């Protein structure tokens, strides 16, 4: 069942429960939702903008966890909807949708899986989808088809193309160049690395998993005397290492406060930690 709570700002917070809540639990939710009032109707009329039903928002995940910490059991999903004048109101179709009324089916997803698509012509599919597969890669996939005794699926071909892309493998950037029949001494990547090899200066580590480290200044740190337990904070000088990250990655998570807030988090945090472990005793907390 879904309960609707009207907030003081006139938004509606839909709360999905797998069991009926008693009066005390409803009272707690009203308090949690900033003195909201519970609607007595199972269906609300009007136009509303809210999250797409197919994706539970990070906000909902955090809200449900808060109710669990309050001792409320049986709440599965919490989403907020905003009333608008009509269906022409502005909204972000990637994250939101327009609802003509709110009912007990707003969280119901009735989507049938699409059938598996087998690729009949790899060369045409490669051109159509812009996969940029080389002749050698195409020949390899055709051999795989022969070994398996069946055509490859679209997801298999797409996965192969992504894993073996220039971005991941640096086939061109790190490949061997033969010009006028003569093999070049260095790849493009090796030529760039040569600068650091000949002039390391204060570089500690570079060209390892998209993150580099340089010697930093001595700074004053205010931190616990013993990090393994509760302790007094002290001031001490420490030698620092500067992290230089080369790229970001989008990584949707259920712990971000709103969609997109954790862009690059997956690579921003682990890369320095992983790379530092190769050059020092530093480890993740």
C-alpha atoms as a PDB file:
ATOM      1  CA  UNK A   1       0.000   0.000   0.000  1.00  0.00           C
ATOM      2  CA  UNK A   2       1.025   3.612  -0.594  1.00  0.00           C
ATOM      3  CA  UNK A   3       0.307   6.438   1.837  1.00  0.00           C
ATOM      4  CA  UNK A   4       0.351  10.055   0.674  1.00  0.00           C
ATOM      5  CA  UNK A   5       1.615  12.810   2.976  1.00  0.00           C
ATOM      6  CA  UNK A   6       1.049  16.498   2.190  1.00  0.00           C
ATOM      7  CA  UNK A   7       3.929  18.715   3.320  1.00  0.00           C
ATOM      8  CA  UNK A   8       3.638  22.372   4.397  1.00  0.00           C
ATOM      9  CA  UNK A   9       5.076  23.351   0.986  1.00  0.00           C
ATOM     10  CA  UNK A  10       2.233  21.411  -0.726  1.00  0.00           C
ATOM     11  CA  UNK A  11       4.451  18.673  -2.122  1.00  0.00           C
ATOM     12  CA  UNK A  12       3.338  15.064  -1.723  1.00  0.00           C
ATOM     13  CA  UNK A  13       5.543  12.377  -0.208  1.00  0.00           C
ATOM     14  CA  UNK A  14       4.446   8.918  -1.311  1.00  0.00           C
ATOM     15  CA  UNK A  15       5.395   6.193   1.154  1.00  0.00           C
ATOM     16  CA  UNK A  16       5.189   2.560   0.065  1.00  0.00           C
ATOM     17  CA  UNK A  17       4.663   0.053   2.885  1.00  0.00           C
ATOM     18  CA  UNK A  18       4.444  -3.729   2.789  1.00  0.00           C
ATOM     19  CA  UNK A  19       2.263  -3.714   5.889  1.00  0.00           C
ATOM     20  CA  UNK A  20      -0.331  -1.450   7.451  1.00  0.00           C
ATOM     21  CA  UNK A  21       1.134   1.204   9.737  1.00  0.00           C
ATOM     22  CA  UNK A  22      -0.376   1.954  13.129  1.00  0.00           C
ATOM     23  CA  UNK A  23      -1.325   5.450  14.245  1.00  0.00           C
ATOM     24  CA  UNK A  24       1.928   5.943  16.147  1.00  0.00           C
ATOM     25  CA  UNK A  25       4.036   5.083  13.091  1.00  0.00           C
ATOM     26  CA  UNK A  26       2.012   7.465  10.915  1.00  0.00           C
ATOM     27  CA  UNK A  27       2.554  10.185  13.506  1.00  0.00           C
ATOM     28  CA  UNK A  28       6.314   9.607  13.356  1.00  0.00           C
ATOM     29  CA  UNK A  29       6.268   9.908   9.578  1.00  0.00           C
ATOM     30  CA  UNK A  30       4.312  13.158   9.763  1.00  0.00           C
ATOM     31  CA  UNK A  31       7.017  14.500  12.068  1.00  0.00           C
ATOM     32  CA  UNK A  32       9.779  13.206   9.790  1.00  0.00           C
ATOM     33  CA  UNK A  33       8.218  14.900   6.770  1.00  0.00           C
ATOM     34  CA  UNK A  34       8.372  18.333   8.452  1.00  0.00           C
ATOM     35  CA  UNK A  35       4.903  18.312  10.042  1.00  0.00           C
ATOM     36  CA  UNK A  36       3.146  16.829   7.028  1.00  0.00           C
ATOM     37  CA  UNK A  37      -0.444  15.624   7.128  1.00  0.00           C
ATOM     38  CA  UNK A  38      -1.523  12.222   5.872  1.00  0.00           C
ATOM     39  CA  UNK A  39      -4.097  12.173   3.064  1.00  0.00           C
ATOM     40  CA  UNK A  40      -7.153   9.981   3.567  1.00  0.00           C
ATOM     41  CA  UNK A  41      -7.459   9.220  -0.151  1.00  0.00           C
ATOM     42  CA  UNK A  42      -5.832   6.349  -2.029  1.00  0.00           C
ATOM     43  CA  UNK A  43      -5.708   8.483  -5.174  1.00  0.00           C
ATOM     44  CA  UNK A  44      -4.833  12.157  -5.568  1.00  0.00           C
ATOM     45  CA  UNK A  45      -6.052  14.222  -8.509  1.00  0.00           C
ATOM     46  CA  UNK A  46      -4.068  16.801 -10.437  1.00  0.00           C
ATOM     47  CA  UNK A  47      -0.769  17.018 -12.273  1.00  0.00           C
ATOM     48  CA  UNK A  48       2.471  16.163 -10.505  1.00  0.00           C
ATOM     49  CA  UNK A  49       6.152  16.037 -11.372  1.00  0.00           C
ATOM     50  CA  UNK A  50       8.055  13.219  -9.724  1.00  0.00           C
ATOM     51  CA  UNK A  51      10.860  10.699 -10.195  1.00  0.00           C
ATOM     52  CA  UNK A  52      10.591   8.005 -12.814  1.00  0.00           C
ATOM     53  CA  UNK A  53       9.058   4.899 -11.319  1.00  0.00           C
ATOM     54  CA  UNK A  54      11.695   2.637 -12.867  1.00  0.00           C
ATOM     55  CA  UNK A  55      14.551   4.040 -10.771  1.00  0.00           C
ATOM     56  CA  UNK A  56      14.545   4.377  -7.001  1.00  0.00           C
ATOM     57  CA  UNK A  57      16.158   7.733  -6.252  1.00  0.00           C
ATOM     58  CA  UNK A  58      19.145   8.164  -3.902  1.00  0.00           C
ATOM     59  CA  UNK A  59      16.863  10.449  -1.875  1.00  0.00           C
ATOM     60  CA  UNK A  60      14.440   7.556  -1.393  1.00  0.00           C
ATOM     61  CA  UNK A  61      17.212   5.180  -0.341  1.00  0.00           C
ATOM     62  CA  UNK A  62      18.405   7.595   2.320  1.00  0.00           C
ATOM     63  CA  UNK A  63      14.864   8.367   3.478  1.00  0.00           C
ATOM     64  CA  UNK A  64      14.002   4.683   3.890  1.00  0.00           C
ATOM     65  CA  UNK A  65      17.188   4.128   5.886  1.00  0.00           C
ATOM     66  CA  UNK A  66      16.231   7.008   8.175  1.00  0.00           C
ATOM     67  CA  UNK A  67      12.862   5.376   8.883  1.00  0.00           C
ATOM     68  CA  UNK A  68      14.637   2.116   9.706  1.00  0.00           C
ATOM     69  CA  UNK A  69      16.884   3.943  12.163  1.00  0.00           C
ATOM     70  CA  UNK A  70      13.725   5.366  13.728  1.00  0.00           C
ATOM     71  CA  UNK A  71      12.437   1.849  14.342  1.00  0.00           C
ATOM     72  CA  UNK A  72       9.839   1.938  11.552  1.00  0.00           C
ATOM     73  CA  UNK A  73       9.635  -1.375   9.723  1.00  0.00           C
ATOM     74  CA  UNK A  74       8.022  -2.341   6.447  1.00  0.00           C
ATOM     75  CA  UNK A  75       8.698   0.852   4.456  1.00  0.00           C
ATOM     76  CA  UNK A  76      10.052   0.041   1.009  1.00  0.00           C
ATOM     77  CA  UNK A  77      10.191   3.311  -0.915  1.00  0.00           C
ATOM     78  CA  UNK A  78       9.679   7.033  -0.323  1.00  0.00           C
ATOM     79  CA  UNK A  79       9.453   9.576  -3.158  1.00  0.00           C
ATOM     80  CA  UNK A  80       8.428  13.236  -3.351  1.00  0.00           C
ATOM     81  CA  UNK A  81       6.050  14.683  -5.962  1.00  0.00           C
ATOM     82  CA  UNK A  82       5.438  18.326  -6.765  1.00  0.00           C
ATOM     83  CA  UNK A  83       2.046  19.638  -7.946  1.00  0.00           C
ATOM     84  CA  UNK A  84       2.018  21.672 -11.178  1.00  0.00           C
ATOM     85  CA  UNK A  85      -0.629  23.541 -13.146  1.00  0.00           C
ATOM     86  CA  UNK A  86      -0.781  21.224 -16.164  1.00  0.00           C
ATOM     87  CA  UNK A  87       1.168  18.718 -18.264  1.00  0.00           C
ATOM     88  CA  UNK A  88       3.179  21.488 -19.940  1.00  0.00           C
ATOM     89  CA  UNK A  89       5.238  22.256 -16.829  1.00  0.00           C
ATOM     90  CA  UNK A  90       9.013  22.058 -17.229  1.00  0.00           C
ATOM     91  CA  UNK A  91      10.751  18.954 -15.936  1.00  0.00           C
ATOM     92  CA  UNK A  92      13.806  16.813 -16.646  1.00  0.00           C
ATOM     93  CA  UNK A  93      12.606  13.787 -18.672  1.00  0.00           C
ATOM     94  CA  UNK A  94      15.797  11.880 -17.890  1.00  0.00           C
ATOM     95  CA  UNK A  95      15.091  11.888 -14.170  1.00  0.00           C
ATOM     96  CA  UNK A  96      11.420  12.830 -13.875  1.00  0.00           C
ATOM     97  CA  UNK A  97       8.068  12.234 -15.481  1.00  0.00           C
ATOM     98  CA  UNK A  98       4.662  13.861 -15.485  1.00  0.00           C
ATOM     99  CA  UNK A  99       1.945  12.138 -13.458  1.00  0.00           C
ATOM    100  CA  UNK A 100      -1.751  12.763 -14.097  1.00  0.00           C
ATOM    101  CA  UNK A 101      -2.851  11.923 -10.596  1.00  0.00           C
ATOM    102  CA  UNK A 102      -1.141   9.784  -7.978  1.00  0.00           C
ATOM    103  CA  UNK A 103      -2.507   6.324  -7.279  1.00  0.00           C
ATOM    104  CA  UNK A 104      -1.502   2.972  -5.838  1.00  0.00           C
ATOM    105  CA  UNK A 105       0.325   2.016  -9.040  1.00  0.00           C
ATOM    106  CA  UNK A 106       2.868   4.856  -9.220  1.00  0.00           C
ATOM    107  CA  UNK A 107       5.700   2.500  -8.243  1.00  0.00           C
ATOM    108  CA  UNK A 108       4.532  -0.425 -10.384  1.00  0.00           C
ATOM    109  CA  UNK A 109       6.856  -1.237 -13.272  1.00  0.00           C
ATOM    110  CA  UNK A 110       5.321  -3.431 -15.951  1.00  0.00           C
ATOM    111  CA  UNK A 111       8.058  -3.739 -18.552  1.00  0.00           C
ATOM    112  CA  UNK A 112       8.686  -6.956 -20.438  1.00  0.00           C
ATOM    113  CA  UNK A 113      12.311  -7.766 -21.291  1.00  0.00           C
ATOM    114  CA  UNK A 114      13.160  -7.255 -24.934  1.00  0.00           C
ATOM    115  CA  UNK A 115      14.047 -10.392 -26.894  1.00  0.00           C
ATOM    116  CA  UNK A 116      17.695 -11.290 -27.403  1.00  0.00           C
ATOM    117  CA  UNK A 117      18.998  -9.813 -30.650  1.00  0.00           C
ATOM    118  CA  UNK A 118      21.418 -11.944 -32.650  1.00  0.00           C
ATOM    119  CA  UNK A 119      23.685 -10.071 -35.063  1.00  0.00           C
ATOM    120  CA  UNK A 120      23.367 -11.471 -38.566  1.00  0.00           C
ATOM    121  CA  UNK A 121      26.051  -9.285 -40.160  1.00  0.00           C
ATOM    122  CA  UNK A 122      28.872  -8.125 -37.904  1.00  0.00           C
ATOM    123  CA  UNK A 123      30.357  -5.717 -40.441  1.00  0.00           C
ATOM    124  CA  UNK A 124      27.064  -3.907 -41.011  1.00  0.00           C
ATOM    125  CA  UNK A 125      26.359  -3.790 -37.265  1.00  0.00           C
ATOM    126  CA  UNK A 126      29.828  -2.410 -36.566  1.00  0.00           C
ATOM    127  CA  UNK A 127      29.234   0.402 -39.062  1.00  0.00           C
ATOM    128  CA  UNK A 128      25.660   1.096 -37.946  1.00  0.00           C
ATOM    129  CA  UNK A 129      26.473   1.346 -34.224  1.00  0.00           C
ATOM    130  CA  UNK A 130      29.826   3.084 -34.652  1.00  0.00           C
ATOM    131  CA  UNK A 131      31.737   0.453 -32.672  1.00  0.00           C
ATOM    132  CA  UNK A 132      35.014   1.140 -34.536  1.00  0.00           C
ATOM    133  CA  UNK A 133      36.030  -2.521 -34.495  1.00  0.00           C
ATOM    134  CA  UNK A 134      39.177  -3.207 -36.528  1.00  0.00           C
ATOM    135  CA  UNK A 135      39.495  -5.868 -39.206  1.00  0.00           C
ATOM    136  CA  UNK A 136      41.456  -8.061 -36.806  1.00  0.00           C
ATOM    137  CA  UNK A 137      38.758  -7.729 -34.143  1.00  0.00           C
ATOM    138  CA  UNK A 138      36.041  -8.531 -36.659  1.00  0.00           C
ATOM    139  CA  UNK A 139      37.915 -11.660 -37.736  1.00  0.00           C
ATOM    140  CA  UNK A 140      38.285 -12.656 -34.088  1.00  0.00           C
ATOM    141  CA  UNK A 141      34.540 -12.284 -33.442  1.00  0.00           C
ATOM    142  CA  UNK A 142      33.718 -14.298 -36.551  1.00  0.00           C
ATOM    143  CA  UNK A 143      35.987 -17.065 -35.262  1.00  0.00           C
ATOM    144  CA  UNK A 144      34.186 -16.923 -31.901  1.00  0.00           C
ATOM    145  CA  UNK A 145      30.866 -17.312 -33.726  1.00  0.00           C
ATOM    146  CA  UNK A 146      32.214 -20.367 -35.521  1.00  0.00           C
ATOM    147  CA  UNK A 147      33.552 -21.900 -32.302  1.00  0.00           C
ATOM    148  CA  UNK A 148      30.251 -21.296 -30.464  1.00  0.00           C
ATOM    149  CA  UNK A 149      28.150 -22.498 -33.356  1.00  0.00           C
ATOM    150  CA  UNK A 150      25.819 -19.487 -33.159  1.00  0.00           C
ATOM    151  CA  UNK A 151      25.547 -15.793 -33.911  1.00  0.00           C
ATOM    152  CA  UNK A 152      26.717 -13.315 -31.282  1.00  0.00           C
ATOM    153  CA  UNK A 153      24.181 -11.139 -29.456  1.00  0.00           C
ATOM    154  CA  UNK A 154      24.117  -7.355 -29.529  1.00  0.00           C
ATOM    155  CA  UNK A 155      25.152  -7.161 -25.862  1.00  0.00           C
ATOM    156  CA  UNK A 156      28.118  -9.480 -26.478  1.00  0.00           C
ATOM    157  CA  UNK A 157      29.373  -7.428 -29.413  1.00  0.00           C
ATOM    158  CA  UNK A 158      28.817  -4.147 -27.569  1.00  0.00           C
ATOM    159  CA  UNK A 159      30.633  -5.460 -24.502  1.00  0.00           C
ATOM    160  CA  UNK A 160      33.566  -6.610 -26.597  1.00  0.00           C
ATOM    161  CA  UNK A 161      33.747  -3.234 -28.354  1.00  0.00           C
ATOM    162  CA  UNK A 162      33.801  -1.323 -25.073  1.00  0.00           C
ATOM    163  CA  UNK A 163      36.347  -3.544 -23.344  1.00  0.00           C
ATOM    164  CA  UNK A 164      38.650  -3.412 -26.344  1.00  0.00           C
ATOM    165  CA  UNK A 165      38.136   0.262 -27.115  1.00  0.00           C
ATOM    166  CA  UNK A 166      41.019   2.690 -27.548  1.00  0.00           C
ATOM    167  CA  UNK A 167      39.995   4.307 -24.269  1.00  0.00           C
ATOM    168  CA  UNK A 168      40.552   1.060 -22.356  1.00  0.00           C
ATOM    169  CA  UNK A 169      43.308  -0.665 -24.307  1.00  0.00           C
ATOM    170  CA  UNK A 170      45.249   2.207 -25.951  1.00  0.00           C
ATOM    171  CA  UNK A 171      45.675   0.033 -29.026  1.00  0.00           C
ATOM    172  CA  UNK A 172      46.824   2.984 -31.135  1.00  0.00           C
ATOM    173  CA  UNK A 173      48.323   5.156 -28.404  1.00  0.00           C
ATOM    174  CA  UNK A 174      50.396   2.291 -27.019  1.00  0.00           C
ATOM    175  CA  UNK A 175      50.742   0.291 -30.209  1.00  0.00           C
ATOM    176  CA  UNK A 176      53.713  -0.392 -32.447  1.00  0.00           C
ATOM    177  CA  UNK A 177      54.108   1.972 -35.401  1.00  0.00           C
ATOM    178  CA  UNK A 178      55.668   0.809 -38.676  1.00  0.00           C
ATOM    179  CA  UNK A 179      56.370   3.704 -41.032  1.00  0.00           C
ATOM    180  CA  UNK A 180      57.732   3.052 -44.543  1.00  0.00           C
ATOM    181  CA  UNK A 181      58.479  -0.515 -43.505  1.00  0.00           C
ATOM    182  CA  UNK A 182      60.509   0.507 -40.468  1.00  0.00           C
ATOM    183  CA  UNK A 183      59.333  -0.159 -36.912  1.00  0.00           C
ATOM    184  CA  UNK A 184      59.512   2.933 -34.729  1.00  0.00           C
ATOM    185  CA  UNK A 185      61.585   2.785 -31.569  1.00  0.00           C
ATOM    186  CA  UNK A 186      58.814   4.036 -29.264  1.00  0.00           C
ATOM    187  CA  UNK A 187      55.034   4.129 -29.140  1.00  0.00           C
ATOM    188  CA  UNK A 188      53.213   7.438 -28.713  1.00  0.00           C
ATOM    189  CA  UNK A 189      52.628   6.606 -25.056  1.00  0.00           C
ATOM    190  CA  UNK A 190      56.294   5.746 -24.474  1.00  0.00           C
ATOM    191  CA  UNK A 191      57.338   9.068 -26.020  1.00  0.00           C
ATOM    192  CA  UNK A 192      55.180  10.949 -23.513  1.00  0.00           C
ATOM    193  CA  UNK A 193      56.454   8.864 -20.595  1.00  0.00           C
ATOM    194  CA  UNK A 194      60.038   9.565 -21.626  1.00  0.00           C
ATOM    195  CA  UNK A 195      59.795  13.137 -20.356  1.00  0.00           C
ATOM    196  CA  UNK A 196      59.174  11.958 -16.800  1.00  0.00           C
ATOM    197  CA  UNK A 197      61.804   9.224 -17.064  1.00  0.00           C
ATOM    198  CA  UNK A 198      64.522  11.693 -18.032  1.00  0.00           C
ATOM    199  CA  UNK A 199      63.328  14.541 -15.797  1.00  0.00           C
ATOM    200  CA  UNK A 200      61.535  13.026 -12.787  1.00  0.00           C
ATOM    201  CA  UNK A 201      62.000  16.136 -10.626  1.00  0.00           C
ATOM    202  CA  UNK A 202      59.481  15.754  -7.768  1.00  0.00           C
ATOM    203  CA  UNK A 203      57.337  13.083  -9.456  1.00  0.00           C
ATOM    204  CA  UNK A 204      56.808  10.069  -7.194  1.00  0.00           C
ATOM    205  CA  UNK A 205      54.586   8.035  -9.486  1.00  0.00           C
ATOM    206  CA  UNK A 206      53.021   8.683 -12.887  1.00  0.00           C
ATOM    207  CA  UNK A 207      51.121   6.935 -15.689  1.00  0.00           C
ATOM    208  CA  UNK A 208      49.735   4.266 -13.388  1.00  0.00           C
ATOM    209  CA  UNK A 209      45.965   3.801 -13.491  1.00  0.00           C
ATOM    210  CA  UNK A 210      45.082   7.400 -14.398  1.00  0.00           C
ATOM    211  CA  UNK A 211      46.570   9.038 -11.329  1.00  0.00           C
ATOM    212  CA  UNK A 212      49.959  10.567 -10.564  1.00  0.00           C
ATOM    213  CA  UNK A 213      51.708  11.733  -7.397  1.00  0.00           C
ATOM    214  CA  UNK A 214      54.174  14.536  -6.817  1.00  0.00           C
ATOM    215  CA  UNK A 215      56.042  15.565  -3.693  1.00  0.00           C
ATOM    216  CA  UNK A 216      54.063  18.122  -1.742  1.00  0.00           C
ATOM    217  CA  UNK A 217      54.997  20.670   0.912  1.00  0.00           C
ATOM    218  CA  UNK A 218      55.244  20.093   4.645  1.00  0.00           C
ATOM    219  CA  UNK A 219      51.935  21.180   6.161  1.00  0.00           C
ATOM    220  CA  UNK A 220      50.443  21.501   9.617  1.00  0.00           C
ATOM    221  CA  UNK A 221      47.899  18.747  10.330  1.00  0.00           C
ATOM    222  CA  UNK A 222      45.195  18.843  13.001  1.00  0.00           C
ATOM    223  CA  UNK A 223      44.186  15.234  13.630  1.00  0.00           C
ATOM    224  CA  UNK A 224      43.754  12.578  16.341  1.00  0.00           C
ATOM    225  CA  UNK A 225      47.006  11.463  17.918  1.00  0.00           C
ATOM    226  CA  UNK A 226      46.005   7.827  17.424  1.00  0.00           C
ATOM    227  CA  UNK A 227      43.843   7.094  14.357  1.00  0.00           C
ATOM    228  CA  UNK A 228      43.011   3.566  15.488  1.00  0.00           C
ATOM    229  CA  UNK A 229      40.892   4.737  18.433  1.00  0.00           C
ATOM    230  CA  UNK A 230      39.243   7.783  19.980  1.00  0.00           C
ATOM    231  CA  UNK A 231      41.990  10.183  20.980  1.00  0.00           C
ATOM    232  CA  UNK A 232      42.855  13.828  21.544  1.00  0.00           C
ATOM    233  CA  UNK A 233      43.482  16.009  18.498  1.00  0.00           C
ATOM    234  CA  UNK A 234      47.018  17.292  18.118  1.00  0.00           C
ATOM    235  CA  UNK A 235      48.890  19.564  15.715  1.00  0.00           C
ATOM    236  CA  UNK A 236      51.914  18.192  13.906  1.00  0.00           C
ATOM    237  CA  UNK A 237      53.876  18.765  10.705  1.00  0.00           C
ATOM    238  CA  UNK A 238      53.529  16.133   8.001  1.00  0.00           C
ATOM    239  CA  UNK A 239      55.044  15.660   4.572  1.00  0.00           C
ATOM    240  CA  UNK A 240      52.357  15.619   1.885  1.00  0.00           C
ATOM    241  CA  UNK A 241      51.901  14.012  -1.491  1.00  0.00           C
ATOM    242  CA  UNK A 242      49.884  15.782  -4.187  1.00  0.00           C
ATOM    243  CA  UNK A 243      47.511  13.600  -6.180  1.00  0.00           C
ATOM    244  CA  UNK A 244      46.984  14.474  -9.843  1.00  0.00           C
ATOM    245  CA  UNK A 245      43.956  12.673 -11.273  1.00  0.00           C
ATOM    246  CA  UNK A 246      43.712  12.398 -15.024  1.00  0.00           C
ATOM    247  CA  UNK A 247      40.057  11.646 -15.624  1.00  0.00           C
ATOM    248  CA  UNK A 248      36.591  11.416 -14.107  1.00  0.00           C
ATOM    249  CA  UNK A 249      33.947   8.747 -14.399  1.00  0.00           C
ATOM    250  CA  UNK A 250      30.218   8.960 -13.896  1.00  0.00           C
ATOM    251  CA  UNK A 251      29.140   6.441 -11.303  1.00  0.00           C
ATOM    252  CA  UNK A 252      25.537   6.468 -10.070  1.00  0.00           C
ATOM    253  CA  UNK A 253      25.244   5.340  -6.472  1.00  0.00           C
ATOM    254  CA  UNK A 254      22.548   5.067  -3.842  1.00  0.00           C
ATOM    255  CA  UNK A 255      24.412   7.177  -1.315  1.00  0.00           C
ATOM    256  CA  UNK A 256      24.563  10.458  -3.196  1.00  0.00           C
ATOM    257  CA  UNK A 257      22.191  13.213  -2.008  1.00  0.00           C
ATOM    258  CA  UNK A 258      20.833  13.783  -5.519  1.00  0.00           C
ATOM    259  CA  UNK A 259      21.334  12.365  -9.007  1.00  0.00           C
ATOM    260  CA  UNK A 260      24.795  13.033 -10.392  1.00  0.00           C
ATOM    261  CA  UNK A 261      26.343  14.226  -7.140  1.00  0.00           C
ATOM    262  CA  UNK A 262      28.816  11.358  -7.056  1.00  0.00           C
ATOM    263  CA  UNK A 263      30.104  11.767 -10.614  1.00  0.00           C
ATOM    264  CA  UNK A 264      33.736  10.584 -10.711  1.00  0.00           C
ATOM    265  CA  UNK A 265      33.525   9.278  -7.130  1.00  0.00           C
ATOM    266  CA  UNK A 266      34.208   5.691  -8.146  1.00  0.00           C
ATOM    267  CA  UNK A 267      37.508   6.621  -9.756  1.00  0.00           C
ATOM    268  CA  UNK A 268      38.397   9.710  -7.752  1.00  0.00           C
ATOM    269  CA  UNK A 269      38.697   7.892  -4.435  1.00  0.00           C
ATOM    270  CA  UNK A 270      40.020   4.380  -5.197  1.00  0.00           C
ATOM    271  CA  UNK A 271      42.692   5.414  -7.709  1.00  0.00           C
ATOM    272  CA  UNK A 272      44.851   7.445  -5.302  1.00  0.00           C
ATOM    273  CA  UNK A 273      44.409   4.819  -2.599  1.00  0.00           C
ATOM    274  CA  UNK A 274      45.315   1.930  -4.907  1.00  0.00           C
ATOM    275  CA  UNK A 275      48.251   3.759  -6.443  1.00  0.00           C
ATOM    276  CA  UNK A 276      49.588   5.000  -3.101  1.00  0.00           C
ATOM    277  CA  UNK A 277      49.608   1.436  -1.812  1.00  0.00           C
ATOM    278  CA  UNK A 278      52.223   0.669  -4.454  1.00  0.00           C
ATOM    279  CA  UNK A 279      54.603   3.375  -3.267  1.00  0.00           C
ATOM    280  CA  UNK A 280      54.017   3.712   0.459  1.00  0.00           C
ATOM    281  CA  UNK A 281      52.375   2.209   3.500  1.00  0.00           C
ATOM    282  CA  UNK A 282      49.291   4.360   3.093  1.00  0.00           C
ATOM    283  CA  UNK A 283      46.018   2.472   2.940  1.00  0.00           C
ATOM    284  CA  UNK A 284      42.329   3.234   2.895  1.00  0.00           C
ATOM    285  CA  UNK A 285      40.867   4.119   6.314  1.00  0.00           C
END
